[in-house]
PDB file of N, CA and C in Angstrom:
ATOM      1  N   MET A   1     105.587  65.641 -48.040  1.00  0.00           N
ATOM      2  CA  MET A   1     105.143  65.167 -46.755  1.00  0.00           C
ATOM      3  C   MET A   1     105.627  63.716 -46.683  1.00  0.00           C
ATOM      4  N   ARG A   2     106.005  63.613 -45.294  1.00  0.00           N
ATOM      5  CA  ARG A   2     106.743  62.574 -44.703  1.00  0.00           C
ATOM      6  C   ARG A   2     105.664  61.624 -44.118  1.00  0.00           C
ATOM      7  N   CYS A   3     105.848  60.173 -44.724  1.00  0.00           N
ATOM      8  CA  CYS A   3     104.983  59.183 -43.958  1.00  0.00           C
ATOM      9  C   CYS A   3     105.589  57.866 -44.072  1.00  0.00           C
ATOM     10  N   VAL A   4     105.177  57.104 -43.175  1.00  0.00           N
ATOM     11  CA  VAL A   4     105.849  55.775 -43.065  1.00  0.00           C
ATOM     12  C   VAL A   4     104.751  54.679 -43.628  1.00  0.00           C
ATOM     13  N   ILE A   5     105.434  53.979 -44.759  1.00  0.00           N
ATOM     14  CA  ILE A   5     104.832  52.833 -45.308  1.00  0.00           C
ATOM     15  C   ILE A   5     105.509  51.623 -45.058  1.00  0.00           C
ATOM     16  N   ALA A   6     104.730  50.536 -44.675  1.00  0.00           N
ATOM     17  CA  ALA A   6     105.620  49.157 -44.318  1.00  0.00           C
ATOM     18  C   ALA A   6     106.675  49.389 -43.439  1.00  0.00           C
ATOM     19  N   ARG A   7     106.782  50.371 -42.691  1.00  0.00           N
ATOM     20  CA  ARG A   7     107.970  50.654 -41.678  1.00  0.00           C
ATOM     21  C   ARG A   7     109.141  51.526 -42.351  1.00  0.00           C
ATOM     22  N   PHE A   8     108.998  51.817 -43.734  1.00  0.00           N
ATOM     23  CA  PHE A   8     109.892  52.523 -44.269  1.00  0.00           C
ATOM     24  C   PHE A   8     109.500  53.973 -44.404  1.00  0.00           C
ATOM     25  N   PRO A   9     110.411  55.126 -44.165  1.00  0.00           N
ATOM     26  CA  PRO A   9     109.974  56.529 -44.232  1.00  0.00           C
ATOM     27  C   PRO A   9     110.074  56.879 -45.725  1.00  0.00           C
ATOM     28  N   PHE A  10     108.940  57.658 -46.249  1.00  0.00           N
ATOM     29  CA  PHE A  10     108.982  58.250 -47.548  1.00  0.00           C
ATOM     30  C   PHE A  10     108.494  59.721 -47.332  1.00  0.00           C
ATOM     31  N   ASP A  11     109.186  60.437 -48.334  1.00  0.00           N
ATOM     32  CA  ASP A  11     108.662  61.786 -48.659  1.00  0.00           C
ATOM     33  C   ASP A  11     108.035  61.869 -49.902  1.00  0.00           C
ATOM     34  N   PHE A  12     106.701  62.153 -49.834  1.00  0.00           N
ATOM     35  CA  PHE A  12     105.868  62.369 -51.032  1.00  0.00           C
ATOM     36  C   PHE A  12     105.432  63.671 -51.171  1.00  0.00           C
ATOM     37  N   ILE A  13     105.398  64.130 -52.545  1.00  0.00           N
ATOM     38  CA  ILE A  13     104.866  65.425 -53.034  1.00  0.00           C
ATOM     39  C   ILE A  13     103.992  65.056 -54.114  1.00  0.00           C
ATOM     40  N   LYS A  14     102.692  65.993 -53.690  1.00  0.00           N
ATOM     41  CA  LYS A  14     101.486  65.419 -54.839  1.00  0.00           C
ATOM     42  C   LYS A  14     101.922  65.487 -56.133  1.00  0.00           C
ATOM     43  N   SER A  15     102.631  66.649 -56.683  1.00  0.00           N
ATOM     44  CA  SER A  15     103.178  66.464 -57.956  1.00  0.00           C
ATOM     45  C   SER A  15     103.910  65.223 -58.587  1.00  0.00           C
ATOM     46  N   GLU A  16     104.778  64.836 -57.619  1.00  0.00           N
ATOM     47  CA  GLU A  16     105.644  63.624 -58.068  1.00  0.00           C
ATOM     48  C   GLU A  16     104.787  62.521 -58.146  1.00  0.00           C
ATOM     49  N   VAL A  17     103.746  62.379 -57.390  1.00  0.00           N
ATOM     50  CA  VAL A  17     102.917  61.247 -57.415  1.00  0.00           C
ATOM     51  C   VAL A  17     102.235  61.361 -58.821  1.00  0.00           C
ATOM     52  N   GLN A  18     101.756  62.459 -59.029  1.00  0.00           N
ATOM     53  CA  GLN A  18     100.914  62.540 -60.296  1.00  0.00           C
ATOM     54  C   GLN A  18     101.762  62.247 -61.511  1.00  0.00           C
ATOM     55  N   THR A  19     103.166  62.803 -61.514  1.00  0.00           N
ATOM     56  CA  THR A  19     104.139  62.518 -62.631  1.00  0.00           C
ATOM     57  C   THR A  19     104.178  60.840 -62.574  1.00  0.00           C
ATOM     58  N   LEU A  20     104.527  60.178 -61.584  1.00  0.00           N
ATOM     59  CA  LEU A  20     104.851  58.918 -61.638  1.00  0.00           C
ATOM     60  C   LEU A  20     103.670  58.028 -61.874  1.00  0.00           C
ATOM     61  N   MET A  21     102.545  58.451 -61.682  1.00  0.00           N
ATOM     62  CA  MET A  21     101.284  57.681 -62.204  1.00  0.00           C
ATOM     63  C   MET A  21     100.787  58.250 -63.515  1.00  0.00           C
ATOM     64  N   SER A  22     101.431  58.967 -64.431  1.00  0.00           N
ATOM     65  CA  SER A  22     100.610  59.571 -65.470  1.00  0.00           C
ATOM     66  C   SER A  22     100.783  58.640 -66.562  1.00  0.00           C
ATOM     67  N   GLY A  23     101.929  57.790 -66.577  1.00  0.00           N
ATOM     68  CA  GLY A  23     101.866  56.942 -67.698  1.00  0.00           C
ATOM     69  C   GLY A  23     101.460  55.390 -67.315  1.00  0.00           C
ATOM     70  N   VAL A  24     101.025  55.202 -66.159  1.00  0.00           N
ATOM     71  CA  VAL A  24     100.348  53.941 -65.648  1.00  0.00           C
ATOM     72  C   VAL A  24      98.943  53.828 -65.960  1.00  0.00           C
ATOM     73  N   GLU A  25      98.588  52.744 -66.739  1.00  0.00           N
ATOM     74  CA  GLU A  25      97.068  52.423 -67.027  1.00  0.00           C
ATOM     75  C   GLU A  25      96.526  51.823 -65.549  1.00  0.00           C
ATOM     76  N   PRO A  26      95.391  52.486 -65.161  1.00  0.00           N
ATOM     77  CA  PRO A  26      94.634  51.914 -64.042  1.00  0.00           C
ATOM     78  C   PRO A  26      94.098  50.445 -64.110  1.00  0.00           C
ATOM     79  N   GLU A  27      94.339  49.859 -63.124  1.00  0.00           N
ATOM     80  CA  GLU A  27      93.880  48.456 -63.059  1.00  0.00           C
ATOM     81  C   GLU A  27      92.426  48.543 -62.830  1.00  0.00           C
ATOM     82  N   ASP A  28      91.508  47.523 -62.868  1.00  0.00           N
ATOM     83  CA  ASP A  28      90.179  47.360 -62.478  1.00  0.00           C
ATOM     84  C   ASP A  28      90.033  48.063 -61.007  1.00  0.00           C
ATOM     85  N   ALA A  29      89.349  48.922 -60.990  1.00  0.00           N
ATOM     86  CA  ALA A  29      89.056  49.596 -59.672  1.00  0.00           C
ATOM     87  C   ALA A  29      88.231  48.900 -58.760  1.00  0.00           C
ATOM     88  N   THR A  30      88.435  48.166 -57.565  1.00  0.00           N
ATOM     89  CA  THR A  30      87.820  47.632 -56.718  1.00  0.00           C
ATOM     90  C   THR A  30      88.315  47.928 -55.320  1.00  0.00           C
ATOM     91  N   GLY A  31      87.609  48.027 -54.367  1.00  0.00           N
ATOM     92  CA  GLY A  31      88.015  48.385 -53.124  1.00  0.00           C
ATOM     93  C   GLY A  31      88.488  49.830 -52.922  1.00  0.00           C
ATOM     94  N   PRO A  32      89.499  50.055 -52.015  1.00  0.00           N
ATOM     95  CA  PRO A  32      90.002  51.427 -51.761  1.00  0.00           C
ATOM     96  C   PRO A  32      90.841  51.792 -53.069  1.00  0.00           C
ATOM     97  N   CYS A  33      90.282  52.972 -53.432  1.00  0.00           N
ATOM     98  CA  CYS A  33      90.891  53.588 -54.698  1.00  0.00           C
ATOM     99  C   CYS A  33      91.386  55.161 -54.671  1.00  0.00           C
ATOM    100  N   ALA A  34      92.094  55.560 -55.413  1.00  0.00           N
ATOM    101  CA  ALA A  34      92.546  57.133 -55.186  1.00  0.00           C
ATOM    102  C   ALA A  34      92.168  57.541 -56.619  1.00  0.00           C
ATOM    103  N   VAL A  35      91.873  58.920 -56.672  1.00  0.00           N
ATOM    104  CA  VAL A  35      91.556  59.630 -57.873  1.00  0.00           C
ATOM    105  C   VAL A  35      92.872  60.482 -58.219  1.00  0.00           C
ATOM    106  N   ILE A  36      93.467  60.192 -59.276  1.00  0.00           N
ATOM    107  CA  ILE A  36      94.760  60.904 -59.614  1.00  0.00           C
ATOM    108  C   ILE A  36      94.651  61.308 -60.915  1.00  0.00           C
ATOM    109  N   ASP A  37      94.535  62.688 -61.263  1.00  0.00           N
ATOM    110  CA  ASP A  37      94.343  63.438 -62.579  1.00  0.00           C
ATOM    111  C   ASP A  37      93.146  62.668 -63.225  1.00  0.00           C
ATOM    112  N   ASP A  38      92.100  62.506 -62.567  1.00  0.00           N
ATOM    113  CA  ASP A  38      90.717  62.194 -63.264  1.00  0.00           C
ATOM    114  C   ASP A  38      90.676  60.619 -63.593  1.00  0.00           C
ATOM    115  N   ARG A  39      91.625  59.931 -62.969  1.00  0.00           N
ATOM    116  CA  ARG A  39      91.719  58.387 -63.301  1.00  0.00           C
ATOM    117  C   ARG A  39      91.585  57.821 -61.803  1.00  0.00           C
ATOM    118  N   THR A  40      90.946  56.788 -61.728  1.00  0.00           N
ATOM    119  CA  THR A  40      90.800  56.005 -60.486  1.00  0.00           C
ATOM    120  C   THR A  40      91.663  54.687 -60.567  1.00  0.00           C
ATOM    121  N   TYR A  41      92.569  54.620 -59.580  1.00  0.00           N
ATOM    122  CA  TYR A  41      93.523  53.435 -59.384  1.00  0.00           C
ATOM    123  C   TYR A  41      93.411  52.982 -58.090  1.00  0.00           C
ATOM    124  N   PRO A  42      93.724  51.617 -57.971  1.00  0.00           N
ATOM    125  CA  PRO A  42      93.461  50.972 -56.679  1.00  0.00           C
ATOM    126  C   PRO A  42      94.669  51.419 -55.801  1.00  0.00           C
ATOM    127  N   VAL A  43      94.563  51.500 -54.501  1.00  0.00           N
ATOM    128  CA  VAL A  43      95.602  52.298 -53.887  1.00  0.00           C
ATOM    129  C   VAL A  43      96.715  51.382 -53.840  1.00  0.00           C
ATOM    130  N   LYS A  44      96.710  50.059 -53.816  1.00  0.00           N
ATOM    131  CA  LYS A  44      97.806  49.361 -53.772  1.00  0.00           C
ATOM    132  C   LYS A  44      98.592  49.287 -55.035  1.00  0.00           C
ATOM    133  N   GLN A  45      97.776  49.552 -56.284  1.00  0.00           N
ATOM    134  CA  GLN A  45      98.617  49.850 -57.402  1.00  0.00           C
ATOM    135  C   GLN A  45      99.609  51.079 -57.258  1.00  0.00           C
ATOM    136  N   VAL A  46      99.044  52.241 -56.716  1.00  0.00           N
ATOM    137  CA  VAL A  46      99.721  53.360 -56.632  1.00  0.00           C
ATOM    138  C   VAL A  46     100.795  53.187 -55.588  1.00  0.00           C
ATOM    139  N   GLY A  47     100.561  52.451 -54.388  1.00  0.00           N
ATOM    140  CA  GLY A  47     101.694  52.152 -53.597  1.00  0.00           C
ATOM    141  C   GLY A  47     102.921  51.406 -54.153  1.00  0.00           C
ATOM    142  N   GLN A  48     102.580  50.496 -54.973  1.00  0.00           N
ATOM    143  CA  GLN A  48     103.540  49.932 -55.546  1.00  0.00           C
ATOM    144  C   GLN A  48     104.350  50.537 -56.522  1.00  0.00           C
ATOM    145  N   VAL A  49     103.698  51.528 -57.133  1.00  0.00           N
ATOM    146  CA  VAL A  49     104.665  52.434 -58.320  1.00  0.00           C
ATOM    147  C   VAL A  49     105.403  53.562 -57.425  1.00  0.00           C
ATOM    148  N   ILE A  50     104.691  53.984 -56.625  1.00  0.00           N
ATOM    149  CA  ILE A  50     105.455  55.262 -55.842  1.00  0.00           C
ATOM    150  C   ILE A  50     106.457  54.644 -54.742  1.00  0.00           C
ATOM    151  N   THR A  51     106.157  53.668 -54.244  1.00  0.00           N
ATOM    152  CA  THR A  51     107.272  53.101 -53.085  1.00  0.00           C
ATOM    153  C   THR A  51     108.205  52.072 -53.595  1.00  0.00           C
ATOM    154  N   GLY A  52     107.735  51.420 -54.525  1.00  0.00           N
ATOM    155  CA  GLY A  52     108.643  50.385 -55.163  1.00  0.00           C
ATOM    156  C   GLY A  52     108.627  48.977 -54.406  1.00  0.00           C
ATOM    157  N   LEU A  53     107.720  49.073 -53.440  1.00  0.00           N
ATOM    158  CA  LEU A  53     107.423  47.921 -52.584  1.00  0.00           C
ATOM    159  C   LEU A  53     106.600  47.033 -53.134  1.00  0.00           C
ATOM    160  N   ASP A  54     106.593  45.881 -52.658  1.00  0.00           N
ATOM    161  CA  ASP A  54     105.669  44.865 -53.049  1.00  0.00           C
ATOM    162  C   ASP A  54     104.251  45.049 -52.397  1.00  0.00           C
ATOM    163  N   ARG A  55     102.989  44.802 -53.108  1.00  0.00           N
ATOM    164  CA  ARG A  55     101.826  45.130 -52.647  1.00  0.00           C
ATOM    165  C   ARG A  55     101.492  44.318 -51.403  1.00  0.00           C
ATOM    166  N   ARG A  56     102.230  43.283 -51.102  1.00  0.00           N
ATOM    167  CA  ARG A  56     102.033  42.564 -49.950  1.00  0.00           C
ATOM    168  C   ARG A  56     102.688  43.042 -48.700  1.00  0.00           C
ATOM    169  N   ASP A  57     103.643  44.124 -48.827  1.00  0.00           N
ATOM    170  CA  ASP A  57     104.306  44.759 -47.648  1.00  0.00           C
ATOM    171  C   ASP A  57     103.722  45.838 -46.941  1.00  0.00           C
ATOM    172  N   PHE A  58     102.503  46.308 -47.782  1.00  0.00           N
ATOM    173  CA  PHE A  58     101.641  47.466 -47.029  1.00  0.00           C
ATOM    174  C   PHE A  58     100.360  47.252 -46.994  1.00  0.00           C
ATOM    175  N   THR A  59      99.439  47.924 -46.257  1.00  0.00           N
ATOM    176  CA  THR A  59      98.145  47.899 -46.346  1.00  0.00           C
ATOM    177  C   THR A  59      97.469  48.928 -47.182  1.00  0.00           C
ATOM    178  N   ALA A  60      96.308  48.685 -47.418  1.00  0.00           N
ATOM    179  CA  ALA A  60      95.415  49.714 -48.344  1.00  0.00           C
ATOM    180  C   ALA A  60      95.391  50.943 -47.499  1.00  0.00           C
ATOM    181  N   LEU A  61      95.092  50.761 -46.229  1.00  0.00           N
ATOM    182  CA  LEU A  61      94.792  51.828 -45.114  1.00  0.00           C
ATOM    183  C   LEU A  61      95.930  52.736 -44.976  1.00  0.00           C
ATOM    184  N   GLU A  62      97.266  52.287 -45.001  1.00  0.00           N
ATOM    185  CA  GLU A  62      98.487  53.206 -45.014  1.00  0.00           C
ATOM    186  C   GLU A  62      98.429  54.058 -46.102  1.00  0.00           C
ATOM    187  N   LEU A  63      98.237  53.455 -47.360  1.00  0.00           N
ATOM    188  CA  LEU A  63      98.187  54.350 -48.559  1.00  0.00           C
ATOM    189  C   LEU A  63      97.069  55.354 -48.512  1.00  0.00           C
ATOM    190  N   THR A  64      95.850  54.774 -48.268  1.00  0.00           N
ATOM    191  CA  THR A  64      94.754  55.573 -48.152  1.00  0.00           C
ATOM    192  C   THR A  64      94.818  56.921 -47.114  1.00  0.00           C
ATOM    193  N   ARG A  65      95.675  56.835 -46.207  1.00  0.00           N
ATOM    194  CA  ARG A  65      95.980  57.809 -45.159  1.00  0.00           C
ATOM    195  C   ARG A  65      97.029  58.867 -45.938  1.00  0.00           C
ATOM    196  N   ALA A  66      97.837  58.156 -46.431  1.00  0.00           N
ATOM    197  CA  ALA A  66      99.168  59.123 -47.112  1.00  0.00           C
ATOM    198  C   ALA A  66      98.516  59.890 -48.383  1.00  0.00           C
ATOM    199  N   LEU A  67      97.691  59.198 -49.211  1.00  0.00           N
ATOM    200  CA  LEU A  67      97.232  59.792 -50.203  1.00  0.00           C
ATOM    201  C   LEU A  67      96.420  60.999 -49.959  1.00  0.00           C
ATOM    202  N   GLY A  68      95.376  60.645 -48.972  1.00  0.00           N
ATOM    203  CA  GLY A  68      94.439  61.642 -48.504  1.00  0.00           C
ATOM    204  C   GLY A  68      95.103  62.899 -47.777  1.00  0.00           C
ATOM    205  N   ARG A  69      96.017  62.533 -47.199  1.00  0.00           N
ATOM    206  CA  ARG A  69      96.951  63.685 -46.615  1.00  0.00           C
ATOM    207  C   ARG A  69      97.572  64.706 -47.722  1.00  0.00           C
ATOM    208  N   LEU A  70      98.039  63.848 -48.810  1.00  0.00           N
ATOM    209  CA  LEU A  70      98.429  64.766 -50.010  1.00  0.00           C
ATOM    210  C   LEU A  70      97.405  65.405 -50.748  1.00  0.00           C
ATOM    211  N   GLY A  71      96.330  65.129 -50.409  1.00  0.00           N
ATOM    212  CA  GLY A  71      95.157  65.977 -51.223  1.00  0.00           C
ATOM    213  C   GLY A  71      94.424  65.287 -52.251  1.00  0.00           C
ATOM    214  N   PHE A  72      94.587  63.853 -52.399  1.00  0.00           N
ATOM    215  CA  PHE A  72      93.862  63.045 -53.492  1.00  0.00           C
ATOM    216  C   PHE A  72      92.649  62.775 -52.673  1.00  0.00           C
ATOM    217  N   THR A  73      91.491  62.551 -53.506  1.00  0.00           N
ATOM    218  CA  THR A  73      90.280  62.246 -53.273  1.00  0.00           C
ATOM    219  C   THR A  73      90.322  60.418 -53.170  1.00  0.00           C
ATOM    220  N   CYS A  74      90.224  59.945 -51.947  1.00  0.00           N
ATOM    221  CA  CYS A  74      90.230  58.482 -52.115  1.00  0.00           C
ATOM    222  C   CYS A  74      88.667  57.993 -51.924  1.00  0.00           C
ATOM    223  N   VAL A  75      88.333  57.015 -52.573  1.00  0.00           N
ATOM    224  CA  VAL A  75      86.922  56.392 -52.650  1.00  0.00           C
ATOM    225  C   VAL A  75      87.249  54.926 -52.387  1.00  0.00           C
ATOM    226  N   THR A  76      85.711  54.468 -52.202  1.00  0.00           N
ATOM    227  CA  THR A  76      85.848  52.886 -52.188  1.00  0.00           C
ATOM    228  C   THR A  76      85.140  52.467 -53.594  1.00  0.00           C
ATOM    229  N   ALA A  77      85.626  51.830 -54.413  1.00  0.00           N
ATOM    230  CA  ALA A  77      85.047  51.435 -55.730  1.00  0.00           C
ATOM    231  C   ALA A  77      84.167  50.130 -55.259  1.00  0.00           C
ATOM    232  N   PRO A  78      83.245  49.886 -55.872  1.00  0.00           N
ATOM    233  CA  PRO A  78      82.315  48.364 -55.652  1.00  0.00           C
ATOM    234  C   PRO A  78      83.006  47.398 -56.097  1.00  0.00           C
ATOM    235  N   VAL A  79      82.845  46.306 -55.057  1.00  0.00           N
ATOM    236  CA  VAL A  79      83.530  45.048 -55.573  1.00  0.00           C
ATOM    237  C   VAL A  79      82.682  44.409 -56.262  1.00  0.00           C
ATOM    238  N   ALA A  80      83.103  43.526 -57.406  1.00  0.00           N
ATOM    239  CA  ALA A  80      82.279  42.648 -58.220  1.00  0.00           C
ATOM    240  C   ALA A  80      81.303  41.981 -57.398  1.00  0.00           C
ATOM    241  N   GLY A  81      80.084  41.986 -57.672  1.00  0.00           N
ATOM    242  CA  GLY A  81      78.950  41.525 -57.176  1.00  0.00           C
ATOM    243  C   GLY A  81      78.229  42.312 -56.020  1.00  0.00           C
ATOM    244  N   ARG A  82      78.615  43.301 -55.768  1.00  0.00           N
ATOM    245  CA  ARG A  82      78.221  44.080 -54.668  1.00  0.00           C
ATOM    246  C   ARG A  82      77.741  45.355 -55.246  1.00  0.00           C
ATOM    247  N   LEU A  83      76.580  45.887 -55.016  1.00  0.00           N
ATOM    248  CA  LEU A  83      76.088  47.124 -55.402  1.00  0.00           C
ATOM    249  C   LEU A  83      76.044  48.088 -54.204  1.00  0.00           C
ATOM    250  N   GLY A  84      76.313  49.592 -54.535  1.00  0.00           N
ATOM    251  CA  GLY A  84      76.294  50.378 -53.515  1.00  0.00           C
ATOM    252  C   GLY A  84      77.082  51.670 -53.940  1.00  0.00           C
ATOM    253  N   PRO A  85      76.898  52.710 -53.465  1.00  0.00           N
ATOM    254  CA  PRO A  85      77.412  54.071 -53.692  1.00  0.00           C
ATOM    255  C   PRO A  85      78.876  54.047 -53.474  1.00  0.00           C
ATOM    256  N   ILE A  86      79.754  54.772 -54.033  1.00  0.00           N
ATOM    257  CA  ILE A  86      80.956  55.201 -53.917  1.00  0.00           C
ATOM    258  C   ILE A  86      81.162  56.132 -52.796  1.00  0.00           C
ATOM    259  N   THR A  87      81.721  55.968 -51.825  1.00  0.00           N
ATOM    260  CA  THR A  87      81.848  56.951 -50.539  1.00  0.00           C
ATOM    261  C   THR A  87      83.290  57.453 -50.359  1.00  0.00           C
ATOM    262  N   ASP A  88      83.262  58.603 -49.867  1.00  0.00           N
ATOM    263  CA  ASP A  88      84.563  59.206 -49.463  1.00  0.00           C
ATOM    264  C   ASP A  88      84.954  58.695 -48.111  1.00  0.00           C
ATOM    265  N   PHE A  89      86.352  58.688 -48.209  1.00  0.00           N
ATOM    266  CA  PHE A  89      86.779  58.130 -46.718  1.00  0.00           C
ATOM    267  C   PHE A  89      86.920  59.232 -45.774  1.00  0.00           C
TER     268      PHE A  89
END
């Protein structure tokens, strides 16, 4: 699937994203997250790994849309100090 992240075009395939993230330990999940192989990753962490870009170069929304289009479940993890359910985008 072709998408644009931080004004750069990328072609992503779900299996390639899964392979790239397979050896990566998830950071603390707060805010927008993606569930990849039963592990919850912050979308900014996923974006940095799969694009090689600095996290400041793209928005969480750009990655959430791209990962959702690839078929990954995107959720919002609770931010420390806030209580509430995890909801789907």
